Amino acid sequence: MALLGKKTGVSRQFAASPAVSGLARDQVSGALRGWELPFLVSDAVLVMGELVANAVKVSGTGDVIKVYVGRGAGEVVLGVWDGCEERPVARKVEISLETLDLSEENFDDNGGRGLAIVEALAWRCWLDPTPPRGKWVCAALKAQGRR
């Protein structure tokens, strides 16, 4: 797995649950602060939260997901593994008063923008299939100074 070939990294496995998002964000924040990259924390925790939310969404009860944060040559790699074969698809984001309608009948229809957020913040994104099942969905943030 190319993702785990980084020299410095932290990987954990969790039960697929919405509660994992906070634990994964803490893992990323702690690693970045330890590597003296605090300027990346806000973007990285947002990216990780979106990747975890997508993995949890496609996972079933009792499934596991894996979360990785690693430091390589001038970048920080964030990755989330799930056992689903389905590839994530970024939704075209068009914001209008209608798409932001939070009326009761449309309250749960305001999601689906996570991958667009990830693509906007990361300098590269990719998917690593893991036969016989699953995939790593990854994003890299540049770690060289402030943007």
C-alpha atoms as a PDB file:
ATOM      1  CA  MET A   1       0.000   0.000   0.000  1.00  0.00           C
ATOM      2  CA  ALA A   2       1.661   3.223  -1.155  1.00  0.00           C
ATOM      3  CA  LEU A   3      -0.142   5.271   1.482  1.00  0.00           C
ATOM      4  CA  LEU A   4       1.453   3.516   4.441  1.00  0.00           C
ATOM      5  CA  GLY A   5       4.944   3.707   2.942  1.00  0.00           C
ATOM      6  CA  LYS A   6       5.443   7.172   4.458  1.00  0.00           C
ATOM      7  CA  LYS A   7       8.284   7.410   6.970  1.00  0.00           C
ATOM      8  CA  THR A   8       6.294   9.161   9.702  1.00  0.00           C
ATOM      9  CA  GLY A   9       2.640   8.396  10.275  1.00  0.00           C
ATOM     10  CA  VAL A  10      -0.134   7.384  12.602  1.00  0.00           C
ATOM     11  CA  SER A  11      -2.799   4.849  11.688  1.00  0.00           C
ATOM     12  CA  ARG A  12      -5.778   3.690  13.746  1.00  0.00           C
ATOM     13  CA  GLN A  13      -8.744   1.434  13.217  1.00  0.00           C
ATOM     14  CA  PHE A  14     -12.224   2.325  14.448  1.00  0.00           C
ATOM     15  CA  ALA A  15     -15.721   0.917  14.391  1.00  0.00           C
ATOM     16  CA  ALA A  16     -17.609   2.688  11.595  1.00  0.00           C
ATOM     17  CA  SER A  17     -19.597   5.265  13.549  1.00  0.00           C
ATOM     18  CA  PRO A  18     -20.301   8.993  13.214  1.00  0.00           C
ATOM     19  CA  ALA A  19     -18.465   9.412  16.547  1.00  0.00           C
ATOM     20  CA  VAL A  20     -15.201   8.455  14.824  1.00  0.00           C
ATOM     21  CA  SER A  21     -15.010  11.814  13.075  1.00  0.00           C
ATOM     22  CA  GLY A  22     -14.066  13.630  16.285  1.00  0.00           C
ATOM     23  CA  LEU A  23     -11.475  10.998  17.220  1.00  0.00           C
ATOM     24  CA  ALA A  24      -9.928  11.165  13.761  1.00  0.00           C
ATOM     25  CA  ARG A  25      -9.794  14.969  13.854  1.00  0.00           C
ATOM     26  CA  ASP A  26      -8.046  14.783  17.247  1.00  0.00           C
ATOM     27  CA  GLN A  27      -5.535  12.292  15.799  1.00  0.00           C
ATOM     28  CA  VAL A  28      -4.749  14.654  12.908  1.00  0.00           C
ATOM     29  CA  SER A  29      -4.521  17.734  15.127  1.00  0.00           C
ATOM     30  CA  GLY A  30      -2.198  16.010  17.586  1.00  0.00           C
ATOM     31  CA  ALA A  31       0.076  14.673  14.855  1.00  0.00           C
ATOM     32  CA  LEU A  32       0.356  18.028  13.082  1.00  0.00           C
ATOM     33  CA  ARG A  33       1.109  19.894  16.298  1.00  0.00           C
ATOM     34  CA  GLY A  34       3.726  17.260  17.173  1.00  0.00           C
ATOM     35  CA  TRP A  35       5.327  17.736  13.760  1.00  0.00           C
ATOM     36  CA  GLU A  36       5.298  21.515  14.295  1.00  0.00           C
ATOM     37  CA  LEU A  37       2.786  22.090  11.479  1.00  0.00           C
ATOM     38  CA  PRO A  38       0.023  23.913  13.392  1.00  0.00           C
ATOM     39  CA  PHE A  39      -0.826  26.096  10.372  1.00  0.00           C
ATOM     40  CA  LEU A  40      -2.276  22.985   8.668  1.00  0.00           C
ATOM     41  CA  VAL A  41      -4.559  21.931  11.521  1.00  0.00           C
ATOM     42  CA  SER A  42      -7.760  23.728  10.487  1.00  0.00           C
ATOM     43  CA  ASP A  43      -7.670  22.519   6.859  1.00  0.00           C
ATOM     44  CA  ALA A  44      -6.498  19.020   7.763  1.00  0.00           C
ATOM     45  CA  VAL A  45      -9.166  18.375  10.401  1.00  0.00           C
ATOM     46  CA  LEU A  46     -11.847  19.562   7.968  1.00  0.00           C
ATOM     47  CA  VAL A  47     -10.532  17.240   5.237  1.00  0.00           C
ATOM     48  CA  MET A  48     -10.284  14.308   7.647  1.00  0.00           C
ATOM     49  CA  GLY A  49     -13.814  14.907   8.943  1.00  0.00           C
ATOM     50  CA  GLU A  50     -15.192  14.817   5.385  1.00  0.00           C
ATOM     51  CA  LEU A  51     -13.253  11.657   4.469  1.00  0.00           C
ATOM     52  CA  VAL A  52     -14.422   9.898   7.629  1.00  0.00           C
ATOM     53  CA  ALA A  53     -18.043  10.960   7.087  1.00  0.00           C
ATOM     54  CA  ASN A  54     -17.955   9.442   3.587  1.00  0.00           C
ATOM     55  CA  ALA A  55     -16.403   6.192   4.846  1.00  0.00           C
ATOM     56  CA  VAL A  56     -18.935   5.862   7.664  1.00  0.00           C
ATOM     57  CA  LYS A  57     -21.790   6.548   5.232  1.00  0.00           C
ATOM     58  CA  VAL A  58     -20.838   3.615   2.956  1.00  0.00           C
ATOM     59  CA  SER A  59     -20.022   1.241   5.837  1.00  0.00           C
ATOM     60  CA  GLY A  60     -22.413  -1.055   7.603  1.00  0.00           C
ATOM     61  CA  THR A  61     -23.023  -1.750  11.259  1.00  0.00           C
ATOM     62  CA  GLY A  62     -20.080  -3.707  12.616  1.00  0.00           C
ATOM     63  CA  ASP A  63     -17.711  -2.592   9.838  1.00  0.00           C
ATOM     64  CA  VAL A  64     -14.404  -0.916  10.556  1.00  0.00           C
ATOM     65  CA  ILE A  65     -12.676   2.045   8.978  1.00  0.00           C
ATOM     66  CA  LYS A  66      -9.001   2.944   9.177  1.00  0.00           C
ATOM     67  CA  VAL A  67      -7.646   6.460   9.531  1.00  0.00           C
ATOM     68  CA  TYR A  68      -4.135   7.555   8.589  1.00  0.00           C
ATOM     69  CA  VAL A  69      -2.147  10.778   8.867  1.00  0.00           C
ATOM     70  CA  GLY A  70       1.412  10.801   7.611  1.00  0.00           C
ATOM     71  CA  ARG A  71       4.181  13.222   6.858  1.00  0.00           C
ATOM     72  CA  GLY A  72       6.242  12.878   3.704  1.00  0.00           C
ATOM     73  CA  ALA A  73       8.366  15.018   1.429  1.00  0.00           C
ATOM     74  CA  GLY A  74       6.759  18.453   1.763  1.00  0.00           C
ATOM     75  CA  GLU A  75       3.254  17.148   2.348  1.00  0.00           C
ATOM     76  CA  VAL A  76       0.878  15.714   4.900  1.00  0.00           C
ATOM     77  CA  VAL A  77      -1.150  12.738   3.702  1.00  0.00           C
ATOM     78  CA  LEU A  78      -4.605  12.055   5.098  1.00  0.00           C
ATOM     79  CA  GLY A  79      -6.281   8.765   4.300  1.00  0.00           C
ATOM     80  CA  VAL A  80      -9.394   6.859   5.290  1.00  0.00           C
ATOM     81  CA  TRP A  81     -10.029   3.204   4.436  1.00  0.00           C
ATOM     82  CA  ASP A  82     -13.410   1.558   4.156  1.00  0.00           C
ATOM     83  CA  GLY A  83     -14.452  -1.877   2.926  1.00  0.00           C
ATOM     84  CA  CYS A  84     -16.807  -0.613   0.219  1.00  0.00           C
ATOM     85  CA  GLU A  85     -15.904  -1.079  -3.452  1.00  0.00           C
ATOM     86  CA  GLU A  86     -17.884   1.991  -4.543  1.00  0.00           C
ATOM     87  CA  ARG A  87     -15.754   4.954  -5.616  1.00  0.00           C
ATOM     88  CA  PRO A  88     -16.673   8.322  -4.111  1.00  0.00           C
ATOM     89  CA  VAL A  89     -17.987  10.883  -6.577  1.00  0.00           C
ATOM     90  CA  ALA A  90     -17.687  14.614  -6.047  1.00  0.00           C
ATOM     91  CA  ARG A  91     -20.969  16.429  -6.500  1.00  0.00           C
ATOM     92  CA  LYS A  92     -21.071  19.670  -8.439  1.00  0.00           C
ATOM     93  CA  VAL A  93     -21.624  22.397  -5.882  1.00  0.00           C
ATOM     94  CA  GLU A  94     -24.103  25.086  -6.809  1.00  0.00           C
ATOM     95  CA  ILE A  95     -25.275  27.246  -3.965  1.00  0.00           C
ATOM     96  CA  SER A  96     -28.532  29.132  -4.153  1.00  0.00           C
ATOM     97  CA  LEU A  97     -31.329  29.962  -1.744  1.00  0.00           C
ATOM     98  CA  GLU A  98     -33.147  26.821  -2.920  1.00  0.00           C
ATOM     99  CA  THR A  99     -30.177  24.478  -2.337  1.00  0.00           C
ATOM    100  CA  LEU A 100     -29.699  25.934   1.142  1.00  0.00           C
ATOM    101  CA  ASP A 101     -33.382  25.524   2.027  1.00  0.00           C
ATOM    102  CA  LEU A 102     -33.505  24.106   5.532  1.00  0.00           C
ATOM    103  CA  SER A 103     -37.254  23.585   5.636  1.00  0.00           C
ATOM    104  CA  GLU A 104     -38.347  20.431   7.451  1.00  0.00           C
ATOM    105  CA  GLU A 105     -38.966  18.433   4.270  1.00  0.00           C
ATOM    106  CA  ASN A 106     -35.493  19.323   2.889  1.00  0.00           C
ATOM    107  CA  PHE A 107     -33.481  19.320   6.114  1.00  0.00           C
ATOM    108  CA  ASP A 108     -31.418  16.218   5.223  1.00  0.00           C
ATOM    109  CA  ASP A 109     -30.836  17.176   1.573  1.00  0.00           C
ATOM    110  CA  ASN A 110     -28.029  19.661   2.213  1.00  0.00           C
ATOM    111  CA  GLY A 111     -25.101  17.242   2.255  1.00  0.00           C
ATOM    112  CA  GLY A 112     -22.918  15.900  -0.505  1.00  0.00           C
ATOM    113  CA  ARG A 113     -20.416  18.740  -0.672  1.00  0.00           C
ATOM    114  CA  GLY A 114     -17.641  17.005   1.273  1.00  0.00           C
ATOM    115  CA  LEU A 115     -15.490  15.854  -1.626  1.00  0.00           C
ATOM    116  CA  ALA A 116     -15.684  19.300  -3.220  1.00  0.00           C
ATOM    117  CA  ILE A 117     -14.341  20.718   0.051  1.00  0.00           C
ATOM    118  CA  VAL A 118     -11.571  18.107   0.147  1.00  0.00           C
ATOM    119  CA  GLU A 119     -10.591  18.847  -3.466  1.00  0.00           C
ATOM    120  CA  ALA A 120     -10.531  22.585  -2.759  1.00  0.00           C
ATOM    121  CA  LEU A 121      -8.206  22.251   0.248  1.00  0.00           C
ATOM    122  CA  ALA A 122      -5.875  19.465  -0.932  1.00  0.00           C
ATOM    123  CA  TRP A 123      -3.182  19.894  -3.532  1.00  0.00           C
ATOM    124  CA  ARG A 124      -3.821  16.316  -4.687  1.00  0.00           C
ATOM    125  CA  CYS A 125      -6.390  13.584  -4.044  1.00  0.00           C
ATOM    126  CA  TRP A 126      -6.419   9.923  -5.025  1.00  0.00           C
ATOM    127  CA  LEU A 127      -7.917   6.521  -4.392  1.00  0.00           C
ATOM    128  CA  ASP A 128      -5.921   3.336  -3.651  1.00  0.00           C
ATOM    129  CA  PRO A 129      -7.991   0.139  -4.118  1.00  0.00           C
ATOM    130  CA  THR A 130      -7.166  -2.623  -1.611  1.00  0.00           C
ATOM    131  CA  PRO A 131      -8.063  -5.988  -3.134  1.00  0.00           C
ATOM    132  CA  PRO A 132      -9.876  -8.155  -2.294  1.00  0.00           C
ATOM    133  CA  ARG A 133     -12.118  -5.349  -1.001  1.00  0.00           C
ATOM    134  CA  GLY A 134     -12.140  -1.722   0.021  1.00  0.00           C
ATOM    135  CA  LYS A 135     -10.098   1.348  -0.727  1.00  0.00           C
ATOM    136  CA  TRP A 136      -8.083   4.169   0.770  1.00  0.00           C
ATOM    137  CA  VAL A 137      -9.409   7.623  -0.118  1.00  0.00           C
ATOM    138  CA  CYS A 138      -6.523  10.039   0.279  1.00  0.00           C
ATOM    139  CA  ALA A 139      -5.730  13.733   0.184  1.00  0.00           C
ATOM    140  CA  ALA A 140      -2.401  15.530   0.533  1.00  0.00           C
ATOM    141  CA  LEU A 141      -1.873  19.028   1.902  1.00  0.00           C
ATOM    142  CA  LYS A 142       1.331  20.914   1.219  1.00  0.00           C
ATOM    143  CA  ALA A 143       3.422  21.154   4.377  1.00  0.00           C
ATOM    144  CA  GLN A 144       5.870  23.804   3.226  1.00  0.00           C
ATOM    145  CA  GLY A 145       5.062  27.037   4.965  1.00  0.00           C
ATOM    146  CA  ARG A 146       1.755  28.842   4.985  1.00  0.00           C
ATOM    147  CA  ARG A 147      -0.441  29.043   1.896  1.00  0.00           C
END
